[in-house]
Amino acid sequence: MTDRTPVDLVKAPGPEAPAADAPTASRPPLDDPLFGPVTVAIAPHAHITVSGPAIPRTDLVRSGGLDGADPHSAIGTRSAAALTLTVANAPAAVRPGKGRFRRSTYKVDATHDGIHYRLVPTSIGTSTFLRDGKPLGEFTADGDETVLVEWREDADPQPVDASVGYTLAAAYGTGGQPMWMTLIDVVTDFIP
């Protein structure tokens, strides 16, 4: 493992004050087992901010106002064109899956500084977080400001990894039903 102190972070120039439209967390900071306090703040269907003393600040912003927001995700859309992701004030890319019948379609991909991240559902309640194809940990989130992570012992997550992982999990929640359960739900919706 590497030493994870705030001194190791690459800081973007300028003050660390939140943007005027940044959401304010309604819950106390989470306690990450490797990175200490992590604050997740959600303005539903508009803006998600993740920050902490040992991780870089990450913002995910949805454009287009609140009209037509997808009620199944905290950020309100699965359209990459409507999303702006920044990590330590540097642009990053985010590309959510379409979210259809199969669990794997609920994956969310992000790219920052040449690193590819993926959050993909692996059970009803959890999603695996990967960096360049290597699993880093398991996230659990229900689309609110409570995001839990269990880092893998054989992984070496870095502060930026944690920040991106918390952001994706907060924005889209974690887990997903297997296809057979989804099909049963669809069929029962049509039965009077």
N, C-alpha and C. Protein backbone atom coordinates (compact mmCIF):
# COMPACT_ATOMS: atom_id res chain seq x y z
N MET A 1 0.84 -1.19 0.00
CA MET A 1 0.00 0.00 0.00
C MET A 1 0.88 1.25 0.00
N THR A 2 0.38 2.29 -0.58
CA THR A 2 1.10 3.55 -0.59
C THR A 2 0.58 4.44 0.52
N ASP A 3 1.39 5.41 0.89
CA ASP A 3 0.97 6.36 1.91
C ASP A 3 -0.07 7.29 1.33
N ARG A 4 -1.20 7.46 2.01
CA ARG A 4 -2.29 8.27 1.49
C ARG A 4 -2.50 9.48 2.38
N THR A 5 -1.75 10.49 2.15
CA THR A 5 -1.92 11.70 2.91
C THR A 5 -2.31 12.82 1.97
N PRO A 6 -2.95 13.87 2.50
CA PRO A 6 -3.34 14.98 1.64
C PRO A 6 -2.17 15.61 0.89
N VAL A 7 -0.96 15.49 1.44
CA VAL A 7 0.21 16.08 0.80
C VAL A 7 0.47 15.43 -0.55
N ASP A 8 0.07 14.15 -0.71
CA ASP A 8 0.32 13.42 -1.94
C ASP A 8 -0.61 13.82 -3.08
N LEU A 9 -1.64 14.56 -2.79
CA LEU A 9 -2.62 14.91 -3.82
C LEU A 9 -2.08 16.00 -4.72
N VAL A 10 -2.40 15.89 -5.99
CA VAL A 10 -2.07 16.95 -6.93
C VAL A 10 -3.21 17.95 -6.86
N LYS A 11 -2.93 19.12 -6.38
CA LYS A 11 -3.97 20.14 -6.20
C LYS A 11 -4.04 21.03 -7.42
N ALA A 12 -5.25 21.29 -7.84
CA ALA A 12 -5.46 22.23 -8.93
C ALA A 12 -5.26 23.64 -8.38
N PRO A 13 -4.79 24.56 -9.20
CA PRO A 13 -4.61 25.91 -8.71
C PRO A 13 -5.94 26.54 -8.33
N GLY A 14 -5.87 27.45 -7.41
CA GLY A 14 -7.08 28.15 -7.00
C GLY A 14 -7.60 27.64 -5.67
N PRO A 15 -8.60 28.32 -5.13
CA PRO A 15 -9.13 27.95 -3.83
C PRO A 15 -9.93 26.66 -3.90
N GLU A 16 -10.06 26.00 -2.77
CA GLU A 16 -10.82 24.76 -2.68
C GLU A 16 -12.27 25.02 -2.28
N ALA A 17 -12.69 26.26 -2.33
CA ALA A 17 -14.07 26.58 -1.96
C ALA A 17 -15.03 25.95 -2.94
N PRO A 18 -16.17 25.47 -2.45
CA PRO A 18 -17.14 24.85 -3.36
C PRO A 18 -17.72 25.86 -4.33
N ALA A 19 -18.10 25.38 -5.49
CA ALA A 19 -18.75 26.23 -6.48
C ALA A 19 -20.07 26.73 -5.91
N ALA A 20 -20.53 27.86 -6.41
CA ALA A 20 -21.75 28.47 -5.88
C ALA A 20 -22.95 27.54 -6.01
N ASP A 21 -22.98 26.71 -7.06
CA ASP A 21 -24.11 25.82 -7.26
C ASP A 21 -23.87 24.41 -6.73
N ALA A 22 -22.77 24.18 -6.03
CA ALA A 22 -22.46 22.86 -5.49
C ALA A 22 -23.43 22.51 -4.37
N PRO A 23 -23.85 21.23 -4.32
CA PRO A 23 -24.77 20.83 -3.26
C PRO A 23 -24.08 20.81 -1.91
N THR A 24 -24.87 20.87 -0.87
CA THR A 24 -24.37 20.78 0.50
C THR A 24 -24.82 19.44 1.07
N ALA A 25 -23.90 18.71 1.68
CA ALA A 25 -24.22 17.39 2.25
C ALA A 25 -25.19 17.54 3.40
N SER A 26 -26.16 16.62 3.46
CA SER A 26 -27.12 16.63 4.56
C SER A 26 -26.75 15.63 5.64
N ARG A 27 -25.69 14.85 5.40
CA ARG A 27 -25.26 13.84 6.36
C ARG A 27 -23.80 14.07 6.73
N PRO A 28 -23.37 13.56 7.86
CA PRO A 28 -21.96 13.72 8.23
C PRO A 28 -21.07 12.94 7.26
N PRO A 29 -19.78 13.25 7.22
CA PRO A 29 -18.87 12.54 6.31
C PRO A 29 -18.87 11.03 6.59
N LEU A 30 -18.66 10.28 5.51
CA LEU A 30 -18.50 8.84 5.61
C LEU A 30 -17.08 8.55 6.09
N ASP A 31 -16.85 7.37 6.62
CA ASP A 31 -15.52 7.00 7.10
C ASP A 31 -14.96 5.91 6.20
N ASP A 32 -14.18 6.31 5.19
CA ASP A 32 -13.57 5.34 4.30
C ASP A 32 -12.44 4.61 5.04
N PRO A 33 -12.34 3.28 4.89
CA PRO A 33 -11.33 2.54 5.64
C PRO A 33 -9.89 2.89 5.27
N LEU A 34 -9.66 3.46 4.08
CA LEU A 34 -8.30 3.85 3.68
C LEU A 34 -8.08 5.34 3.64
N PHE A 35 -9.11 6.11 3.31
CA PHE A 35 -8.95 7.54 3.04
C PHE A 35 -9.60 8.45 4.06
N GLY A 36 -10.17 7.88 5.12
CA GLY A 36 -10.76 8.70 6.18
C GLY A 36 -12.06 9.36 5.77
N PRO A 37 -12.31 10.58 6.24
CA PRO A 37 -13.59 11.24 5.99
C PRO A 37 -13.81 11.54 4.50
N VAL A 38 -15.00 11.17 4.01
CA VAL A 38 -15.41 11.44 2.64
C VAL A 38 -16.81 12.03 2.70
N THR A 39 -16.98 13.18 2.09
CA THR A 39 -18.29 13.83 2.06
C THR A 39 -18.92 13.64 0.69
N VAL A 40 -20.14 13.14 0.68
CA VAL A 40 -20.92 12.99 -0.54
C VAL A 40 -22.10 13.94 -0.43
N ALA A 41 -22.21 14.88 -1.37
CA ALA A 41 -23.30 15.85 -1.37
C ALA A 41 -24.07 15.73 -2.68
N ILE A 42 -25.40 15.61 -2.55
CA ILE A 42 -26.24 15.42 -3.73
C ILE A 42 -27.31 16.50 -3.80
N ALA A 43 -27.36 17.18 -4.94
CA ALA A 43 -28.51 18.01 -5.31
C ALA A 43 -29.26 17.15 -6.33
N PRO A 44 -30.36 16.50 -5.93
CA PRO A 44 -31.00 15.50 -6.78
C PRO A 44 -31.23 15.96 -8.22
N HIS A 45 -30.82 15.10 -9.14
CA HIS A 45 -30.99 15.27 -10.57
C HIS A 45 -30.25 16.49 -11.13
N ALA A 46 -29.27 16.98 -10.38
CA ALA A 46 -28.55 18.18 -10.84
C ALA A 46 -27.04 18.11 -10.64
N HIS A 47 -26.57 17.75 -9.44
CA HIS A 47 -25.15 17.92 -9.12
C HIS A 47 -24.76 16.98 -7.97
N ILE A 48 -23.62 16.32 -8.13
CA ILE A 48 -23.06 15.48 -7.07
C ILE A 48 -21.63 15.92 -6.85
N THR A 49 -21.27 16.11 -5.58
CA THR A 49 -19.90 16.47 -5.22
C THR A 49 -19.38 15.47 -4.20
N VAL A 50 -18.16 15.01 -4.42
CA VAL A 50 -17.47 14.13 -3.48
C VAL A 50 -16.17 14.81 -3.12
N SER A 51 -15.87 14.87 -1.81
CA SER A 51 -14.64 15.52 -1.38
C SER A 51 -14.19 14.93 -0.04
N GLY A 52 -12.96 15.23 0.31
CA GLY A 52 -12.42 14.80 1.59
C GLY A 52 -10.99 15.29 1.72
N PRO A 53 -10.45 15.30 2.93
CA PRO A 53 -9.09 15.80 3.13
C PRO A 53 -8.03 14.98 2.40
N ALA A 54 -8.29 13.70 2.13
CA ALA A 54 -7.28 12.85 1.51
C ALA A 54 -7.62 12.44 0.08
N ILE A 55 -8.71 13.00 -0.47
CA ILE A 55 -9.07 12.68 -1.86
C ILE A 55 -9.38 13.97 -2.61
N PRO A 56 -9.18 13.96 -3.94
CA PRO A 56 -9.50 15.16 -4.71
C PRO A 56 -11.01 15.34 -4.84
N ARG A 57 -11.43 16.57 -4.98
CA ARG A 57 -12.84 16.88 -5.15
C ARG A 57 -13.28 16.46 -6.55
N THR A 58 -14.45 15.84 -6.62
CA THR A 58 -15.03 15.41 -7.89
C THR A 58 -16.44 15.95 -7.98
N ASP A 59 -16.79 16.50 -9.14
CA ASP A 59 -18.13 17.04 -9.38
C ASP A 59 -18.72 16.37 -10.62
N LEU A 60 -19.95 15.93 -10.51
CA LEU A 60 -20.72 15.42 -11.64
C LEU A 60 -21.96 16.30 -11.75
N VAL A 61 -22.09 16.98 -12.89
CA VAL A 61 -23.17 17.95 -13.07
C VAL A 61 -24.02 17.54 -14.27
N ARG A 62 -25.33 17.60 -14.08
CA ARG A 62 -26.28 17.31 -15.15
C ARG A 62 -26.79 18.64 -15.70
N SER A 63 -26.73 18.79 -17.02
CA SER A 63 -27.25 20.00 -17.65
C SER A 63 -28.69 19.78 -18.08
N GLY A 64 -29.38 20.85 -18.38
CA GLY A 64 -30.71 20.75 -18.92
C GLY A 64 -31.84 20.96 -17.93
N GLY A 65 -31.55 21.35 -16.72
CA GLY A 65 -32.61 21.59 -15.73
C GLY A 65 -33.18 20.30 -15.19
N LEU A 66 -34.18 20.42 -14.36
CA LEU A 66 -34.75 19.27 -13.68
C LEU A 66 -35.88 18.60 -14.45
N ASP A 67 -36.36 19.22 -15.52
CA ASP A 67 -37.44 18.62 -16.30
C ASP A 67 -36.97 17.32 -16.95
N GLY A 68 -37.80 16.30 -16.89
CA GLY A 68 -37.50 15.04 -17.53
C GLY A 68 -36.43 14.21 -16.86
N ALA A 69 -36.14 14.49 -15.61
CA ALA A 69 -35.09 13.75 -14.90
C ALA A 69 -35.52 12.30 -14.67
N ASP A 70 -34.56 11.40 -14.82
CA ASP A 70 -34.78 9.98 -14.57
C ASP A 70 -34.85 9.76 -13.05
N PRO A 71 -36.00 9.31 -12.54
CA PRO A 71 -36.14 9.15 -11.09
C PRO A 71 -35.34 7.98 -10.52
N HIS A 72 -34.73 7.17 -11.39
CA HIS A 72 -34.01 5.98 -10.92
C HIS A 72 -32.53 6.24 -10.63
N SER A 73 -32.07 7.46 -10.81
CA SER A 73 -30.68 7.77 -10.47
C SER A 73 -30.61 9.14 -9.82
N ALA A 74 -29.67 9.30 -8.92
CA ALA A 74 -29.54 10.57 -8.20
C ALA A 74 -29.16 11.71 -9.14
N ILE A 75 -28.41 11.41 -10.21
CA ILE A 75 -28.02 12.47 -11.14
C ILE A 75 -29.10 12.74 -12.17
N GLY A 76 -30.01 11.80 -12.37
CA GLY A 76 -31.18 12.08 -13.19
C GLY A 76 -31.10 11.78 -14.67
N THR A 77 -29.99 11.21 -15.15
CA THR A 77 -29.90 10.88 -16.57
C THR A 77 -28.84 9.81 -16.80
N ARG A 78 -29.03 9.06 -17.89
CA ARG A 78 -28.03 8.11 -18.36
C ARG A 78 -27.44 8.61 -19.69
N SER A 79 -27.70 9.86 -20.03
CA SER A 79 -27.17 10.45 -21.25
C SER A 79 -25.81 11.11 -20.97
N ALA A 80 -24.77 10.58 -21.59
CA ALA A 80 -23.42 11.15 -21.39
C ALA A 80 -23.36 12.59 -21.87
N ALA A 81 -24.13 12.95 -22.89
CA ALA A 81 -24.10 14.31 -23.43
C ALA A 81 -24.61 15.34 -22.43
N ALA A 82 -25.42 14.91 -21.46
CA ALA A 82 -25.97 15.84 -20.48
C ALA A 82 -25.13 15.92 -19.21
N LEU A 83 -23.99 15.23 -19.17
CA LEU A 83 -23.18 15.16 -17.95
C LEU A 83 -21.80 15.78 -18.13
N THR A 84 -21.34 16.46 -17.09
CA THR A 84 -19.98 17.00 -17.04
C THR A 84 -19.33 16.47 -15.77
N LEU A 85 -18.20 15.81 -15.92
CA LEU A 85 -17.45 15.27 -14.79
C LEU A 85 -16.12 15.98 -14.68
N THR A 86 -15.79 16.46 -13.48
CA THR A 86 -14.47 17.05 -13.24
C THR A 86 -13.86 16.39 -12.00
N VAL A 87 -12.56 16.17 -12.07
CA VAL A 87 -11.80 15.60 -10.96
C VAL A 87 -10.67 16.58 -10.67
N ALA A 88 -10.67 17.15 -9.47
CA ALA A 88 -9.69 18.18 -9.10
C ALA A 88 -9.67 19.30 -10.14
N ASN A 89 -10.85 19.72 -10.57
CA ASN A 89 -11.05 20.78 -11.55
C ASN A 89 -10.57 20.44 -12.95
N ALA A 90 -10.15 19.19 -13.20
CA ALA A 90 -9.73 18.76 -14.53
C ALA A 90 -10.87 17.99 -15.19
N PRO A 91 -11.10 18.19 -16.48
CA PRO A 91 -12.20 17.49 -17.14
C PRO A 91 -11.95 15.99 -17.20
N ALA A 92 -13.03 15.25 -17.08
CA ALA A 92 -13.02 13.79 -17.21
C ALA A 92 -14.25 13.43 -18.02
N ALA A 93 -14.32 12.19 -18.46
CA ALA A 93 -15.46 11.73 -19.25
C ALA A 93 -16.24 10.69 -18.47
N VAL A 94 -17.56 10.71 -18.63
CA VAL A 94 -18.41 9.71 -18.00
C VAL A 94 -19.38 9.18 -19.06
N ARG A 95 -19.60 7.87 -19.05
CA ARG A 95 -20.47 7.24 -20.03
C ARG A 95 -21.28 6.14 -19.35
N PRO A 96 -22.50 6.46 -18.92
CA PRO A 96 -23.36 5.45 -18.30
C PRO A 96 -23.90 4.48 -19.35
N GLY A 97 -24.10 3.23 -18.94
CA GLY A 97 -24.75 2.26 -19.80
C GLY A 97 -26.23 2.61 -19.96
N LYS A 98 -26.90 1.96 -20.87
CA LYS A 98 -28.31 2.29 -21.16
C LYS A 98 -29.27 1.90 -20.06
N GLY A 99 -28.91 0.93 -19.22
CA GLY A 99 -29.79 0.54 -18.12
C GLY A 99 -31.04 -0.17 -18.59
N ARG A 100 -30.87 -1.30 -19.23
CA ARG A 100 -32.01 -2.07 -19.75
C ARG A 100 -32.26 -3.29 -18.88
N PHE A 101 -32.60 -4.41 -19.50
CA PHE A 101 -32.99 -5.61 -18.76
C PHE A 101 -31.82 -6.31 -18.07
N ARG A 102 -30.70 -6.43 -18.75
CA ARG A 102 -29.57 -7.16 -18.16
C ARG A 102 -28.83 -6.30 -17.15
N ARG A 103 -28.35 -6.94 -16.10
CA ARG A 103 -27.62 -6.25 -15.04
C ARG A 103 -26.42 -5.48 -15.59
N SER A 104 -25.70 -6.07 -16.54
CA SER A 104 -24.48 -5.44 -17.06
C SER A 104 -24.75 -4.14 -17.80
N THR A 105 -25.98 -3.90 -18.24
CA THR A 105 -26.27 -2.65 -18.96
C THR A 105 -26.35 -1.45 -18.01
N TYR A 106 -26.28 -1.71 -16.72
CA TYR A 106 -26.29 -0.62 -15.73
C TYR A 106 -24.88 -0.16 -15.36
N LYS A 107 -23.89 -0.64 -16.08
CA LYS A 107 -22.50 -0.23 -15.81
C LYS A 107 -22.34 1.26 -16.09
N VAL A 108 -21.34 1.86 -15.45
CA VAL A 108 -21.01 3.26 -15.70
C VAL A 108 -19.50 3.32 -15.91
N ASP A 109 -19.08 3.90 -17.04
CA ASP A 109 -17.66 4.05 -17.35
C ASP A 109 -17.26 5.51 -17.18
N ALA A 110 -16.02 5.70 -16.76
CA ALA A 110 -15.45 7.05 -16.65
C ALA A 110 -13.98 6.97 -17.06
N THR A 111 -13.49 8.05 -17.61
CA THR A 111 -12.07 8.13 -17.97
C THR A 111 -11.52 9.44 -17.43
N HIS A 112 -10.38 9.32 -16.74
CA HIS A 112 -9.70 10.50 -16.20
C HIS A 112 -8.20 10.28 -16.31
N ASP A 113 -7.52 11.23 -16.89
CA ASP A 113 -6.06 11.22 -16.99
C ASP A 113 -5.55 9.90 -17.58
N GLY A 114 -6.25 9.40 -18.61
CA GLY A 114 -5.83 8.18 -19.29
C GLY A 114 -6.19 6.89 -18.58
N ILE A 115 -6.88 6.97 -17.46
CA ILE A 115 -7.28 5.79 -16.69
C ILE A 115 -8.76 5.52 -16.93
N HIS A 116 -9.08 4.27 -17.21
CA HIS A 116 -10.48 3.88 -17.44
C HIS A 116 -11.04 3.25 -16.17
N TYR A 117 -12.18 3.78 -15.73
CA TYR A 117 -12.88 3.26 -14.57
C TYR A 117 -14.19 2.64 -15.01
N ARG A 118 -14.63 1.63 -14.27
CA ARG A 118 -15.95 1.04 -14.53
C ARG A 118 -16.57 0.64 -13.19
N LEU A 119 -17.83 0.99 -13.04
CA LEU A 119 -18.64 0.54 -11.90
C LEU A 119 -19.72 -0.34 -12.51
N VAL A 120 -19.72 -1.63 -12.15
CA VAL A 120 -20.64 -2.57 -12.77
C VAL A 120 -21.33 -3.41 -11.69
N PRO A 121 -22.68 -3.53 -11.77
CA PRO A 121 -23.40 -4.33 -10.78
C PRO A 121 -22.95 -5.79 -10.81
N THR A 122 -22.75 -6.36 -9.63
CA THR A 122 -22.35 -7.76 -9.53
C THR A 122 -23.28 -8.56 -8.64
N SER A 123 -24.20 -7.89 -7.96
CA SER A 123 -25.21 -8.58 -7.15
C SER A 123 -26.41 -7.64 -7.04
N ILE A 124 -27.40 -8.06 -6.29
CA ILE A 124 -28.58 -7.21 -6.13
C ILE A 124 -28.24 -5.88 -5.47
N GLY A 125 -27.29 -5.86 -4.55
CA GLY A 125 -27.00 -4.64 -3.81
C GLY A 125 -25.65 -4.00 -4.04
N THR A 126 -24.71 -4.70 -4.69
CA THR A 126 -23.35 -4.17 -4.80
C THR A 126 -22.89 -4.07 -6.25
N SER A 127 -21.89 -3.22 -6.44
CA SER A 127 -21.24 -3.08 -7.75
C SER A 127 -19.74 -3.13 -7.54
N THR A 128 -19.05 -3.76 -8.48
CA THR A 128 -17.60 -3.82 -8.45
C THR A 128 -17.04 -2.59 -9.16
N PHE A 129 -16.01 -2.00 -8.57
CA PHE A 129 -15.35 -0.82 -9.14
C PHE A 129 -14.00 -1.26 -9.67
N LEU A 130 -13.74 -0.98 -10.95
CA LEU A 130 -12.51 -1.40 -11.60
C LEU A 130 -11.72 -0.21 -12.13
N ARG A 131 -10.39 -0.33 -12.07
CA ARG A 131 -9.47 0.64 -12.67
C ARG A 131 -8.69 -0.10 -13.75
N ASP A 132 -8.84 0.31 -15.00
CA ASP A 132 -8.18 -0.36 -16.13
C ASP A 132 -8.38 -1.87 -16.08
N GLY A 133 -9.60 -2.30 -15.75
CA GLY A 133 -9.96 -3.71 -15.75
C GLY A 133 -9.63 -4.46 -14.48
N LYS A 134 -8.93 -3.84 -13.55
CA LYS A 134 -8.56 -4.52 -12.30
C LYS A 134 -9.53 -4.12 -11.20
N PRO A 135 -10.18 -5.09 -10.55
CA PRO A 135 -11.11 -4.77 -9.46
C PRO A 135 -10.40 -4.11 -8.28
N LEU A 136 -10.96 -2.98 -7.83
CA LEU A 136 -10.41 -2.28 -6.67
C LEU A 136 -11.24 -2.52 -5.41
N GLY A 137 -12.56 -2.67 -5.58
CA GLY A 137 -13.42 -2.83 -4.41
C GLY A 137 -14.87 -2.97 -4.79
N GLU A 138 -15.69 -3.12 -3.76
CA GLU A 138 -17.13 -3.28 -3.92
C GLU A 138 -17.83 -2.09 -3.28
N PHE A 139 -18.68 -1.41 -4.04
CA PHE A 139 -19.44 -0.27 -3.53
C PHE A 139 -20.88 -0.68 -3.29
N THR A 140 -21.48 -0.07 -2.28
CA THR A 140 -22.89 -0.23 -1.97
C THR A 140 -23.48 1.17 -1.78
N ALA A 141 -24.54 1.47 -2.53
CA ALA A 141 -25.20 2.78 -2.43
C ALA A 141 -26.61 2.65 -2.95
N ASP A 142 -27.52 3.41 -2.35
CA ASP A 142 -28.91 3.39 -2.76
C ASP A 142 -29.34 4.67 -3.46
N GLY A 143 -28.39 5.48 -3.92
CA GLY A 143 -28.73 6.72 -4.59
C GLY A 143 -28.90 7.88 -3.64
N ASP A 144 -28.40 7.72 -2.41
CA ASP A 144 -28.42 8.84 -1.47
C ASP A 144 -26.98 9.16 -1.08
N GLU A 145 -26.79 9.89 -0.04
CA GLU A 145 -25.44 10.31 0.35
C GLU A 145 -24.68 9.27 1.15
N THR A 146 -25.28 8.10 1.38
CA THR A 146 -24.59 7.02 2.08
C THR A 146 -24.02 6.07 1.04
N VAL A 147 -22.71 6.08 0.92
CA VAL A 147 -22.00 5.21 -0.01
C VAL A 147 -20.96 4.46 0.81
N LEU A 148 -21.00 3.13 0.71
CA LEU A 148 -20.06 2.30 1.45
C LEU A 148 -19.14 1.59 0.47
N VAL A 149 -17.90 1.34 0.90
CA VAL A 149 -16.95 0.63 0.05
C VAL A 149 -16.17 -0.37 0.88
N GLU A 150 -15.87 -1.48 0.25
CA GLU A 150 -14.96 -2.46 0.82
C GLU A 150 -13.84 -2.65 -0.20
N TRP A 151 -12.68 -2.06 0.10
CA TRP A 151 -11.54 -2.15 -0.81
C TRP A 151 -10.96 -3.55 -0.76
N ARG A 152 -10.54 -4.06 -1.89
CA ARG A 152 -9.92 -5.39 -1.94
C ARG A 152 -8.52 -5.33 -1.36
N GLU A 153 -8.16 -6.37 -0.64
CA GLU A 153 -6.84 -6.40 -0.01
C GLU A 153 -5.71 -6.44 -1.03
N ASP A 154 -5.94 -7.06 -2.19
CA ASP A 154 -4.89 -7.18 -3.20
C ASP A 154 -4.83 -5.97 -4.14
N ALA A 155 -5.67 -4.97 -3.90
CA ALA A 155 -5.68 -3.77 -4.74
C ALA A 155 -4.93 -2.64 -4.05
N ASP A 156 -4.59 -1.64 -4.80
CA ASP A 156 -3.91 -0.47 -4.25
C ASP A 156 -4.63 0.79 -4.73
N PRO A 157 -5.86 1.03 -4.23
CA PRO A 157 -6.59 2.21 -4.70
C PRO A 157 -5.89 3.50 -4.30
N GLN A 158 -5.91 4.46 -5.21
CA GLN A 158 -5.31 5.76 -4.98
C GLN A 158 -6.42 6.77 -4.65
N PRO A 159 -6.08 7.93 -4.12
CA PRO A 159 -7.10 8.92 -3.76
C PRO A 159 -8.05 9.26 -4.91
N VAL A 160 -7.52 9.43 -6.12
CA VAL A 160 -8.38 9.77 -7.25
C VAL A 160 -9.34 8.62 -7.57
N ASP A 161 -8.88 7.37 -7.40
CA ASP A 161 -9.76 6.22 -7.62
C ASP A 161 -10.95 6.28 -6.68
N ALA A 162 -10.68 6.56 -5.42
CA ALA A 162 -11.75 6.62 -4.42
C ALA A 162 -12.75 7.71 -4.77
N SER A 163 -12.25 8.86 -5.16
CA SER A 163 -13.14 9.98 -5.48
C SER A 163 -14.06 9.65 -6.66
N VAL A 164 -13.51 9.07 -7.71
CA VAL A 164 -14.32 8.69 -8.87
C VAL A 164 -15.31 7.60 -8.48
N GLY A 165 -14.87 6.59 -7.73
CA GLY A 165 -15.76 5.51 -7.33
C GLY A 165 -16.94 5.98 -6.51
N TYR A 166 -16.67 6.82 -5.52
CA TYR A 166 -17.77 7.37 -4.70
C TYR A 166 -18.75 8.16 -5.56
N THR A 167 -18.22 8.93 -6.51
CA THR A 167 -19.08 9.76 -7.36
C THR A 167 -20.01 8.90 -8.22
N LEU A 168 -19.45 7.89 -8.87
CA LEU A 168 -20.27 7.03 -9.73
C LEU A 168 -21.31 6.26 -8.92
N ALA A 169 -20.90 5.75 -7.75
CA ALA A 169 -21.84 5.01 -6.90
C ALA A 169 -22.95 5.91 -6.38
N ALA A 170 -22.61 7.13 -5.99
CA ALA A 170 -23.64 8.07 -5.51
C ALA A 170 -24.59 8.47 -6.63
N ALA A 171 -24.06 8.65 -7.83
CA ALA A 171 -24.87 9.11 -8.95
C ALA A 171 -25.87 8.06 -9.43
N TYR A 172 -25.46 6.79 -9.44
CA TYR A 172 -26.28 5.75 -10.05
C TYR A 172 -26.70 4.63 -9.09
N GLY A 173 -26.28 4.70 -7.85
CA GLY A 173 -26.57 3.61 -6.94
C GLY A 173 -25.77 2.39 -7.36
N THR A 174 -25.98 1.28 -6.68
CA THR A 174 -25.23 0.08 -6.98
C THR A 174 -26.15 -1.11 -7.06
N GLY A 175 -25.62 -2.18 -7.62
CA GLY A 175 -26.36 -3.42 -7.72
C GLY A 175 -27.39 -3.41 -8.81
N GLY A 176 -27.98 -4.55 -8.99
CA GLY A 176 -29.02 -4.70 -10.00
C GLY A 176 -29.59 -6.10 -9.94
N GLN A 177 -30.83 -6.23 -10.31
CA GLN A 177 -31.47 -7.53 -10.33
C GLN A 177 -30.96 -8.35 -11.50
N PRO A 178 -30.93 -9.68 -11.34
CA PRO A 178 -30.63 -10.51 -12.50
C PRO A 178 -31.77 -10.40 -13.51
N MET A 179 -31.50 -10.74 -14.76
CA MET A 179 -32.49 -10.57 -15.82
C MET A 179 -33.78 -11.33 -15.53
N TRP A 180 -33.70 -12.52 -14.97
CA TRP A 180 -34.92 -13.30 -14.73
C TRP A 180 -35.84 -12.60 -13.74
N MET A 181 -35.26 -11.91 -12.73
CA MET A 181 -36.10 -11.17 -11.78
C MET A 181 -36.73 -9.96 -12.44
N THR A 182 -35.98 -9.29 -13.30
CA THR A 182 -36.52 -8.14 -14.02
C THR A 182 -37.67 -8.56 -14.92
N LEU A 183 -37.53 -9.67 -15.60
CA LEU A 183 -38.60 -10.16 -16.48
C LEU A 183 -39.86 -10.50 -15.68
N ILE A 184 -39.69 -11.09 -14.51
CA ILE A 184 -40.85 -11.38 -13.66
C ILE A 184 -41.55 -10.08 -13.27
N ASP A 185 -40.79 -9.05 -12.91
CA ASP A 185 -41.36 -7.75 -12.57
C ASP A 185 -42.15 -7.16 -13.74
N VAL A 186 -41.59 -7.26 -14.94
CA VAL A 186 -42.25 -6.73 -16.13
C VAL A 186 -43.56 -7.47 -16.38
N VAL A 187 -43.52 -8.79 -16.30
CA VAL A 187 -44.72 -9.60 -16.55
C VAL A 187 -45.80 -9.30 -15.51
N THR A 188 -45.41 -9.21 -14.24
CA THR A 188 -46.40 -8.95 -13.20
C THR A 188 -47.02 -7.55 -13.30
N ASP A 189 -46.27 -6.61 -13.90
CA ASP A 189 -46.82 -5.27 -14.11
C ASP A 189 -47.98 -5.29 -15.11
N PHE A 190 -47.99 -6.27 -16.02
CA PHE A 190 -49.07 -6.35 -17.00
C PHE A 190 -50.26 -7.17 -16.55
N ILE A 191 -50.12 -7.87 -15.42
CA ILE A 191 -51.23 -8.68 -14.91
C ILE A 191 -52.09 -7.81 -14.01
N PRO A 192 -53.41 -7.73 -14.30
CA PRO A 192 -54.28 -6.87 -13.50
C PRO A 192 -54.52 -7.42 -12.11
